[in-house]
Protein backbone atom coordinates (compact mmCIF):
# COMPACT_ATOMS: atom_id res chain seq x y z
CA MET A 1 -22.92 -20.52 6.55
CA SER A 2 -20.35 -18.36 8.36
CA THR A 3 -17.45 -17.01 6.36
CA LEU A 4 -13.93 -15.68 6.67
CA ASN A 5 -12.89 -12.62 4.73
CA PRO A 6 -9.31 -12.40 3.44
CA TYR A 7 -8.29 -9.13 1.80
CA VAL A 8 -5.34 -9.17 -0.59
CA VAL A 9 -3.42 -6.15 -1.85
CA THR A 10 -0.55 -6.22 -4.35
CA PHE A 11 1.73 -3.27 -5.06
CA ASN A 12 4.98 -2.75 -6.92
CA CYS A 13 6.17 0.23 -4.91
CA GLY A 14 9.10 1.14 -7.16
CA ARG A 15 11.85 0.66 -4.53
CA GLU A 16 10.58 3.69 -2.61
CA PRO A 17 8.96 3.94 0.84
CA ILE A 18 5.22 4.52 0.72
CA ASP A 19 3.51 7.50 2.29
CA PRO A 20 1.42 5.84 5.05
CA SER A 21 -1.32 8.46 5.08
CA THR A 22 -1.89 8.25 1.32
CA PHE A 23 -1.74 4.46 1.20
CA SER A 24 -4.06 4.09 4.19
CA ASN A 25 -6.69 6.37 2.61
CA HIS A 26 -7.24 3.85 -0.18
CA LEU A 27 -6.17 0.56 1.40
CA PHE A 28 -9.67 -0.82 2.00
CA SER A 29 -11.31 0.61 -1.12
CA ALA A 30 -12.25 -2.84 -2.42
CA LEU A 31 -14.29 -3.78 0.65
CA PRO A 32 -17.99 -4.35 -0.15
CA ASN A 33 -18.85 -2.74 3.17
CA PRO A 34 -16.33 -0.03 4.08
CA LYS A 35 -16.99 -0.56 7.79
CA THR A 36 -16.52 -4.34 7.84
CA ALA A 37 -12.95 -5.28 8.71
CA PRO A 38 -11.40 -8.24 6.85
CA ASP A 39 -10.29 -11.11 9.08
CA ILE A 40 -6.96 -11.47 7.29
CA LEU A 41 -5.06 -8.73 5.45
CA ILE A 42 -2.29 -9.77 3.08
CA LEU A 43 0.10 -7.25 1.54
CA CYS A 44 2.02 -8.60 -1.46
CA ILE A 45 4.85 -6.18 -2.23
CA GLN A 46 7.27 -6.10 -5.14
CA GLU A 47 10.38 -3.94 -5.51
CA ILE A 48 10.15 -3.29 -1.81
CA ALA A 49 13.50 -1.45 -1.68
CA PRO A 50 16.67 -0.85 -3.73
CA ILE A 51 18.56 -4.02 -4.52
CA ALA A 52 21.28 -3.43 -1.92
CA TYR A 53 18.81 -3.19 0.97
CA SER A 54 16.52 -5.92 -0.36
CA PHE A 55 19.33 -8.44 -0.79
CA LEU A 56 20.91 -7.67 2.59
CA GLY A 57 17.52 -7.64 4.34
CA GLY A 58 17.11 -7.35 8.10
CA SER A 59 17.36 -3.82 9.48
CA TYR A 60 18.02 -2.42 6.01
CA LEU A 61 14.35 -3.03 5.18
CA VAL A 62 12.94 -1.35 8.28
CA PRO A 63 12.40 2.05 6.58
CA TYR A 64 10.46 0.32 3.79
CA LEU A 65 8.33 -2.13 5.81
CA SER A 66 7.44 0.05 8.80
CA PRO A 67 5.39 2.51 6.68
CA PHE A 68 3.14 -0.38 5.60
CA ARG A 69 2.50 -1.31 9.23
CA HIS A 70 1.78 2.32 10.00
CA ALA A 71 -0.62 2.54 7.05
CA VAL A 72 -2.51 -0.55 8.24
CA THR A 73 -2.85 0.97 11.72
CA ILE A 74 -4.24 4.20 10.27
CA ALA A 75 -6.63 2.38 7.93
CA ALA A 76 -7.88 0.09 10.69
CA ALA A 77 -8.82 3.13 12.76
CA SER A 78 -11.41 4.02 10.12
CA LEU A 79 -13.17 0.68 10.61
CA LYS A 80 -15.19 -0.53 13.58
CA ASP A 81 -12.71 -0.24 16.43
CA VAL A 82 -10.39 -2.96 15.12
CA SER A 83 -6.69 -3.62 15.44
CA TYR A 84 -4.38 -5.78 13.34
CA VAL A 85 -1.32 -7.78 14.30
CA ASN A 86 1.42 -8.35 11.74
CA ILE A 87 1.85 -12.05 12.50
CA ILE A 88 4.55 -12.68 9.89
CA THR A 89 6.62 -10.81 7.33
CA ARG A 90 8.99 -12.47 4.89
CA ASN A 91 10.90 -11.45 1.79
CA ILE A 92 12.82 -13.15 -0.94
CA GLY A 93 15.07 -10.44 -2.30
CA MET A 94 12.93 -7.60 -3.60
CA THR A 95 9.57 -9.39 -3.14
CA ALA A 96 7.86 -9.42 0.24
CA ILE A 97 4.67 -10.57 1.92
CA MET A 98 3.11 -9.21 5.10
CA VAL A 99 0.23 -11.05 6.79
CA PHE A 100 -1.98 -9.25 9.30
CA MET A 101 -4.72 -10.75 11.47
CA LEU A 102 -7.42 -9.14 13.55
CA ARG A 103 -5.96 -9.00 17.02
CA ASP A 104 -8.80 -10.99 18.58
CA GLN A 105 -8.28 -13.84 16.07
CA THR A 106 -4.53 -14.41 16.35
CA ALA A 107 -5.02 -17.30 18.79
CA GLN A 108 -6.82 -19.20 16.05
CA VAL A 109 -3.67 -19.40 13.94
CA ARG A 110 -2.38 -22.89 14.73
CA TRP A 111 0.73 -23.09 12.57
CA LEU A 112 2.70 -21.19 9.96
CA GLU A 113 4.86 -22.29 7.05
CA ILE A 114 6.98 -20.21 4.69
CA ALA A 115 8.51 -20.62 1.24
CA GLY A 116 10.62 -18.57 -1.13
CA VAL A 117 12.21 -18.97 -4.53
CA GLY A 118 14.18 -16.62 -6.76
CA VAL A 119 13.60 -16.63 -10.50
CA GLY A 120 15.83 -13.72 -11.44
CA MET A 121 19.39 -13.87 -12.74
CA TYR A 122 21.18 -16.90 -11.28
CA GLU A 123 17.94 -17.65 -9.39
CA MET A 124 18.41 -14.57 -7.21
CA GLY A 125 15.52 -12.65 -5.73
CA ASN A 126 15.43 -9.60 -7.99
CA LYS A 127 12.42 -11.57 -9.30
CA GLY A 128 10.72 -14.43 -7.49
CA ALA A 129 7.99 -15.47 -5.09
CA VAL A 130 7.54 -15.66 -1.34
CA GLY A 131 4.66 -17.48 0.36
CA VAL A 132 3.00 -18.02 3.71
CA ARG A 133 0.79 -21.00 4.55
CA MET A 134 -1.26 -20.99 7.74
CA GLY A 135 -3.61 -23.20 9.66
CA TYR A 136 -6.64 -21.38 11.04
CA SER A 137 -8.66 -23.26 13.64
CA ILE A 138 -12.42 -23.56 13.19
CA GLY A 139 -13.97 -25.60 15.95
CA ASP A 140 -12.31 -29.01 15.87
CA SER A 141 -10.90 -28.61 12.37
CA THR A 142 -8.31 -26.40 10.69
CA LEU A 143 -8.81 -24.31 7.57
CA GLU A 144 -5.64 -23.90 5.48
CA PHE A 145 -4.67 -20.76 3.55
CA THR A 146 -1.75 -20.24 1.17
CA PHE A 147 -0.79 -16.68 0.21
CA VAL A 148 1.91 -15.94 -2.36
CA SER A 149 3.50 -12.69 -3.50
CA ALA A 150 5.27 -12.93 -6.87
CA HIS A 151 7.20 -10.87 -9.39
CA LEU A 152 7.81 -12.30 -12.87
CA ALA A 153 10.00 -11.25 -15.81
CA PRO A 154 9.33 -7.81 -17.36
CA MET A 155 9.20 -6.50 -20.95
CA GLU A 156 6.64 -7.12 -23.70
CA GLY A 157 8.64 -9.77 -25.54
CA GLU A 158 9.43 -11.94 -22.50
CA LEU A 159 6.16 -13.89 -22.51
CA GLN A 160 7.82 -17.30 -22.52
CA ARG A 161 10.18 -16.22 -19.75
CA ARG A 162 7.18 -15.33 -17.61
CA ASN A 163 5.70 -18.76 -18.22
CA GLN A 164 9.07 -20.28 -17.29
CA ASP A 165 9.14 -18.19 -14.12
CA TRP A 166 5.74 -19.61 -13.21
CA ARG A 167 7.06 -23.13 -13.78
CA ASN A 168 10.08 -22.43 -11.57
CA ILE A 169 7.84 -21.03 -8.84
CA VAL A 170 5.67 -24.16 -8.82
CA ARG A 171 8.80 -26.35 -8.73
CA GLY A 172 10.79 -24.31 -6.22
CA LEU A 173 8.26 -22.81 -3.82
CA VAL A 174 8.53 -25.43 -1.08
CA PHE A 175 6.81 -24.72 2.25
CA THR A 176 8.48 -25.62 5.53
CA PRO A 177 7.62 -24.69 9.15
CA VAL A 178 8.67 -21.26 10.39
CA SER A 179 10.88 -23.13 12.85
CA PRO A 180 12.51 -26.38 11.63
CA THR A 181 11.38 -28.08 14.84
CA ALA A 182 7.82 -26.77 14.69
CA VAL A 183 5.43 -28.89 12.66
CA ARG A 184 1.72 -28.47 12.18
CA THR A 185 0.75 -30.18 15.43
CA ASN A 186 2.83 -27.98 17.72
CA THR A 187 3.34 -24.58 16.15
CA ALA A 188 0.58 -22.85 18.10
CA GLN A 189 3.07 -21.96 20.87
CA ARG A 190 5.65 -20.81 18.33
CA LEU A 191 3.52 -18.27 16.50
CA PRO A 192 5.60 -15.08 16.01
CA GLN A 193 4.49 -12.13 18.09
CA GLU A 194 3.95 -8.69 16.66
CA SER A 195 7.34 -7.16 15.96
CA THR A 196 8.16 -3.79 17.44
CA SER A 197 11.83 -3.52 16.51
CA ASP A 198 11.66 -4.73 12.89
CA THR A 199 15.33 -5.74 13.18
CA GLU A 200 15.28 -9.51 12.76
CA PRO A 201 16.38 -10.77 9.33
CA LEU A 202 13.38 -11.43 7.12
CA LEU A 203 15.00 -14.34 5.29
CA GLN A 204 15.72 -16.94 7.95
CA ALA A 205 18.46 -19.50 7.57
CA SER A 206 17.44 -22.72 5.90
CA PRO A 207 17.12 -25.86 8.06
CA GLY A 208 20.30 -27.87 8.40
CA LYS A 209 21.04 -30.33 5.65
CA ASP A 210 20.65 -33.24 8.06
CA SER A 211 17.11 -32.23 8.99
CA ILE A 212 14.11 -33.27 6.91
CA PRO A 213 11.29 -30.80 7.62
CA PRO A 214 7.79 -31.56 6.37
CA MET A 215 7.44 -30.08 2.89
CA SER A 216 4.64 -29.17 0.50
CA GLY A 217 4.49 -27.20 -2.73
CA LEU A 218 2.32 -24.39 -4.02
CA TYR A 219 -0.62 -26.78 -4.49
CA THR A 220 -1.84 -28.96 -1.65
CA PRO A 221 -5.19 -30.80 -1.34
CA ARG A 222 -6.59 -28.99 1.69
CA SER A 223 -5.46 -25.40 1.17
CA HIS A 224 -7.08 -22.35 -0.35
CA LEU A 225 -4.60 -20.54 -2.60
CA PHE A 226 -4.21 -16.84 -3.38
CA PHE A 227 -1.51 -15.83 -5.85
CA ALA A 228 -0.86 -12.11 -6.32
CA GLY A 229 1.81 -9.79 -7.59
CA ASP A 230 3.40 -7.97 -10.46
CA LEU A 231 3.00 -10.86 -12.91
CA ASN A 232 4.15 -8.58 -15.72
CA TYR A 233 1.93 -10.07 -18.46
CA ARG A 234 1.44 -7.37 -21.09
CA THR A 235 -1.00 -6.47 -23.85
CA SER A 236 1.49 -6.85 -26.70
CA ILE A 237 4.41 -9.09 -27.60
CA THR A 238 6.36 -6.16 -29.12
CA LYS A 239 7.30 -2.69 -27.97
CA PRO A 240 4.97 0.13 -29.06
CA SER A 241 5.72 2.27 -32.08
CA PRO A 242 6.35 5.99 -31.43
CA GLU A 243 2.79 6.85 -32.51
CA ALA A 244 0.97 4.03 -30.71
CA TYR A 245 0.23 6.07 -27.59
CA VAL A 246 -2.54 8.05 -29.31
CA THR A 247 -4.72 4.91 -29.26
CA TRP A 248 -4.16 4.07 -25.59
CA PRO A 249 -6.96 3.99 -22.97
CA GLN A 250 -8.47 7.21 -21.69
CA PRO A 251 -11.34 7.78 -19.23
CA SER A 252 -14.70 7.03 -20.82
CA SER A 253 -18.06 5.78 -19.61
CA ASN A 254 -18.77 4.29 -23.05
CA THR A 255 -17.43 0.72 -23.07
CA HIS A 256 -17.69 0.66 -26.87
CA ALA A 257 -15.46 3.69 -27.32
CA LYS A 258 -12.17 2.95 -29.11
CA GLN A 259 -10.15 4.26 -26.18
CA HIS A 260 -12.10 2.55 -23.42
CA TYR A 261 -9.71 0.29 -21.55
CA SER A 262 -11.90 -2.77 -22.18
CA GLN A 263 -10.89 -2.64 -25.85
CA LEU A 264 -7.38 -3.60 -24.77
CA LEU A 265 -8.46 -6.60 -22.65
CA PRO A 266 -8.58 -9.11 -25.56
CA SER A 267 -4.82 -8.58 -25.94
CA ASP A 268 -4.11 -9.43 -22.29
CA GLN A 269 -1.34 -12.05 -22.29
CA LEU A 270 -2.25 -13.52 -18.90
CA LYS A 271 -5.79 -14.46 -19.90
CA GLY A 272 -4.58 -15.98 -23.14
CA GLU A 273 -1.83 -18.02 -21.52
CA MET A 274 -4.13 -19.22 -18.73
CA GLN A 275 -6.73 -20.37 -21.25
CA ALA A 276 -3.98 -22.19 -23.16
CA GLY A 277 -2.90 -23.98 -19.98
CA LYS A 278 0.57 -22.44 -20.00
CA THR A 279 0.54 -20.51 -16.74
CA CYS A 280 -1.28 -20.13 -13.39
CA HIS A 281 -2.88 -23.58 -13.76
CA GLY A 282 -6.32 -23.87 -12.17
CA LEU A 283 -6.34 -20.31 -10.87
CA GLN A 284 -9.16 -17.86 -11.49
CA GLU A 285 -9.56 -14.10 -11.55
CA ALA A 286 -12.55 -11.88 -11.03
CA PRO A 287 -13.60 -9.73 -14.02
CA VAL A 288 -11.15 -6.89 -14.60
CA ASP A 289 -13.24 -3.74 -14.36
CA PHE A 290 -10.43 -1.23 -13.98
CA PRO A 291 -7.89 0.42 -16.30
CA PRO A 292 -4.38 -0.96 -16.88
CA THR A 293 -2.22 -0.71 -13.79
CA TYR A 294 1.06 -0.03 -15.67
CA LYS A 295 2.95 1.95 -16.96
CA TYR A 296 2.18 5.52 -15.88
CA SER A 297 4.49 8.37 -16.85
CA ASP A 298 6.65 10.53 -14.62
CA LYS A 299 4.15 13.34 -15.20
CA ALA A 300 1.32 11.16 -13.90
CA ARG A 301 3.36 10.26 -10.84
CA SER A 302 4.23 13.89 -10.12
CA ASN A 303 0.53 14.72 -10.22
CA ALA A 304 -0.45 11.87 -7.90
CA THR A 305 -1.42 13.11 -4.44
CA SER A 306 -3.69 11.83 -1.69
CA GLN A 307 -6.34 14.36 -2.78
CA GLN A 308 -6.40 13.37 -6.45
CA ASN A 309 -8.19 10.34 -7.76
CA ASP A 310 -7.11 8.23 -10.71
CA GLY A 311 -9.23 9.83 -13.40
CA ASP A 312 -12.15 7.40 -13.27
CA GLU A 313 -14.34 9.95 -11.53
CA ASP A 314 -13.07 13.36 -12.61
CA GLY A 315 -12.68 12.59 -16.32
CA SER A 316 -9.04 13.67 -16.39
CA HIS A 317 -6.44 12.44 -18.86
CA TRP A 318 -4.42 9.28 -18.13
CA GLU A 319 -0.74 9.96 -18.64
CA TRP A 320 0.95 6.81 -19.96
CA ALA A 321 4.66 6.24 -20.51
CA LYS A 322 5.03 6.13 -24.29
CA HIS A 323 7.62 3.32 -24.45
CA ARG A 324 5.50 0.61 -22.79
CA TRP A 325 2.04 -0.74 -23.66
CA PRO A 326 -0.53 -0.04 -20.93
CA SER A 327 -1.03 -3.44 -19.30
CA TRP A 328 -2.65 -5.18 -16.36
CA CYS A 329 0.65 -6.26 -14.80
CA ASP A 330 -0.67 -6.35 -11.24
CA ARG A 331 -3.10 -9.21 -10.61
CA ILE A 332 -4.75 -11.20 -7.83
CA LEU A 333 -5.67 -14.81 -8.63
CA TYR A 334 -7.24 -17.52 -6.52
CA LEU A 335 -8.07 -21.21 -6.48
CA ASP A 336 -11.74 -22.03 -5.96
CA SER A 337 -12.96 -24.71 -3.55
CA PRO A 338 -12.34 -28.21 -4.97
CA LEU A 339 -15.00 -30.29 -6.71
CA TRP A 340 -15.12 -32.91 -3.97
CA MET A 341 -16.08 -30.16 -1.53
CA LYS A 342 -18.60 -28.37 -3.78
CA SER A 343 -20.30 -31.63 -4.78
CA LYS A 344 -21.51 -31.96 -1.20
CA ASN A 345 -22.39 -28.30 -0.72
CA SER A 346 -22.44 -25.86 -3.65
CA ALA A 347 -22.40 -22.92 -1.24
CA VAL A 348 -18.76 -23.45 -0.30
CA GLU A 349 -17.33 -21.65 -3.32
CA VAL A 350 -14.82 -18.82 -2.94
CA LYS A 351 -16.55 -15.50 -3.66
CA VAL A 352 -14.99 -12.22 -4.76
CA GLN A 353 -16.65 -9.29 -3.03
CA GLY A 354 -14.62 -6.55 -4.71
CA TYR A 355 -11.70 -6.30 -7.14
CA GLN A 356 -10.26 -2.97 -8.15
CA ALA A 357 -7.17 -0.88 -8.77
CA LEU A 358 -6.32 1.77 -6.20
CA PRO A 359 -5.24 5.27 -7.23
CA LEU A 360 -1.76 5.94 -8.60
CA MET A 361 0.77 6.92 -5.95
CA ALA A 362 3.77 9.14 -6.45
CA MET A 363 6.47 6.56 -5.68
CA SER A 364 5.53 4.06 -8.40
CA ASP A 365 4.54 3.73 -12.06
CA HIS A 366 2.17 0.90 -11.01
CA ARG A 367 -1.22 1.21 -9.39
CA PRO A 368 -1.91 -1.03 -6.38
CA VAL A 369 -4.67 -3.63 -6.78
CA ALA A 370 -6.91 -4.97 -4.01
CA CYS A 371 -9.34 -7.89 -3.82
CA SER A 372 -11.83 -8.76 -1.09
CA PHE A 373 -12.80 -12.43 -0.70
CA SER A 374 -15.43 -14.39 1.18
CA ILE A 375 -14.40 -17.92 2.14
CA PRO A 376 -16.72 -20.50 3.74
CA ALA A 377 -15.62 -21.16 7.30
CA GLU A 378 -15.32 -24.85 6.59
CA ALA A 379 -12.11 -26.82 6.24
CA ILE A 380 -11.41 -28.50 2.90
CA PRO A 381 -11.58 -32.26 3.55
CA GLU A 382 -9.18 -34.84 2.21
CA PRO A 383 -10.71 -36.39 -0.92
CA SER A 384 -11.67 -40.05 -0.96
CA GLU A 385 -10.13 -42.36 -3.57
CA GLU A 386 -13.26 -42.06 -5.70
CA GLU A 387 -13.26 -38.27 -5.38
CA GLU A 388 -9.60 -38.20 -6.37
CA ARG A 389 -10.41 -40.10 -9.54
CA GLU A 390 -13.26 -37.75 -10.38
CA ALA A 391 -11.12 -34.64 -9.73
CA LYS A 392 -7.88 -35.99 -11.15
CA MET A 393 -7.29 -32.80 -13.16
CA ASP A 394 -7.49 -30.56 -10.10
CA PRO A 395 -4.00 -29.03 -9.64
CA ARG A 396 -4.34 -29.59 -5.90
CA LEU A 397 -4.05 -33.31 -6.64
CA ALA A 398 -2.03 -33.16 -9.86
CA PRO A 399 0.26 -30.10 -9.88
CA PRO A 400 1.40 -29.07 -13.37
CA PHE A 401 5.07 -29.52 -12.37
CA GLY A 402 6.82 -31.62 -9.76
CA LEU A 403 8.88 -30.17 -6.93
CA ASN A 404 12.55 -29.53 -7.60
CA PRO A 405 14.50 -32.04 -5.45
CA LEU A 406 17.43 -29.59 -5.29
CA TRP A 407 15.34 -26.62 -4.18
CA MET A 408 17.15 -26.16 -0.86
CA GLU A 409 20.67 -26.32 -2.26
CA GLN A 410 19.79 -23.95 -5.07
CA ARG A 411 18.14 -21.47 -2.71
CA GLU A 412 21.18 -21.50 -0.42
CA ALA A 413 23.51 -20.94 -3.38
CA ALA A 414 21.33 -18.12 -4.66
CA ARG A 415 21.22 -16.58 -1.20
CA THR A 416 25.01 -16.49 -1.11
CA LYS A 417 25.01 -14.64 -4.43
CA GLU A 418 22.38 -12.23 -3.12
CA VAL A 419 24.56 -11.32 -0.14
CA MET A 420 27.56 -10.75 -2.39
CA VAL A 421 25.55 -8.63 -4.84
CA GLY A 422 23.92 -6.80 -1.93
CA ILE A 423 27.27 -5.88 -0.42
CA GLY A 424 28.60 -4.75 -3.80
CA ALA A 425 25.48 -2.69 -4.49
CA TYR A 426 25.59 -1.21 -0.99
CA LEU A 427 29.19 -0.11 -1.37
CA GLY A 428 28.81 1.13 -4.93
CA LEU A 429 25.28 2.49 -5.14
CA THR A 430 24.41 3.95 -1.73
CA TRP A 431 25.74 7.07 -0.05
CA GLU A 432 26.48 5.08 3.11
CA GLY A 433 28.47 2.50 1.16
CA ARG A 434 30.39 5.12 -0.77
CA GLY A 435 31.21 6.80 2.54
CA ILE A 436 32.65 3.51 3.79
CA LEU A 437 34.76 3.11 0.65
CA LEU A 438 35.96 6.69 0.93
CA ALA A 439 36.90 6.18 4.57
CA ILE A 440 38.78 3.00 3.66
CA ALA A 441 40.59 4.83 0.87
CA PHE A 442 41.62 7.71 3.15
CA GLY A 443 42.64 5.22 5.82
CA ALA A 444 44.77 3.30 3.34
CA LEU A 445 46.42 6.50 2.10
CA GLY A 446 47.06 7.65 5.63
CA GLY A 447 48.51 4.27 6.60
CA TRP A 448 50.77 4.29 3.55
CA ALA A 449 51.98 7.79 4.42
CA VAL A 450 52.85 6.68 7.96
CA ILE A 451 54.69 3.58 6.72
CA ARG A 452 56.57 5.65 4.14
CA ASN A 453 57.71 8.14 6.78
CA VAL A 454 58.86 5.32 9.04
CA LEU A 455 60.83 3.70 6.23
CA GLN A 456 62.48 7.01 5.36
């Protein structure tokens, strides 16, 4: 059976631009065959830029998004003469998603849908999720993919808040066509072309209140689902004591050693909450065979260069920040093929070809994580009534939470707040904004001096 090969990367880049050459050197490290190009490349990015630029969006994000496109171009050159097209890029505040396709496969993308929801303060996008759903033509049928980039609440003690963020994402992540007038049967002609200017706003205006675009949530019967991001689940519910760091993971080939990272895995909050049915319902994850991805110290970041590896190979010391438990914050989850599909052909399961953390990079205290998948090139069929009854617990058919009927109004209200906060942060926290305020102040003083002279 032929397959498609999506490749998902998640990275909290610490509000700093990446170095394209360093990022590209490691981008495809999780490929099973380093010379086989993935059909679809998905970059899930958190803390893409400072809050002022993220909330204002548009051209303010160009310096932060363009290096990712450059890195993909460099990395693709190391494969078998391939080229990628960035078919769509969207952000919700500080969380972004970039979807790339092999250039010779872009015509097979039949339609695109987008979704975004903020779960930060006042539902703004300092935390949240942004998703892309696409239809990929295979012969006479269409294979559906859903890709989501997410960023949940931080801190060790905020476990329940993270679970609540997940609930709000399921309720508020509502997919609509890229264009309000473009539905699944006619979006082939409306597929965005590769952007060269990077100046169009990334968060498009919502459809008018009088329009009723077709909608679907995170779960839908015929779509594969990939959910990735800085999910922020930790390995402790409390902050570490001052002496705790001496027990933290260090490089070791002995999995039974006290400081081997695997000894910390039983404390992983995400696994525990998934098993308890409290988060990421129905999703799966490949075995975690890499060290915690967070939180590395400033010393570790200063030592991170494109020539250095992460310590797995050279036996060097892992430098952890002492005020946070080392944790697997950065994860890539997926939904396997449904039972009604596998009952007819067991070979249609989703397979993980590689799952690993990439080396630490200087701009962030997180390590990127990448996962290579193999998907059967066969569309998921609609289940029959009998198959629905047999698979009634499948979240595709019975999502854990219903859609929020006020999702659009709440997103529009949150977007208004984001613009206001973005303007305030721009004026108060950036050199450009402070320059504007200073110019206004001098202008006001000068105007007052002129008026005073006239009055005298």
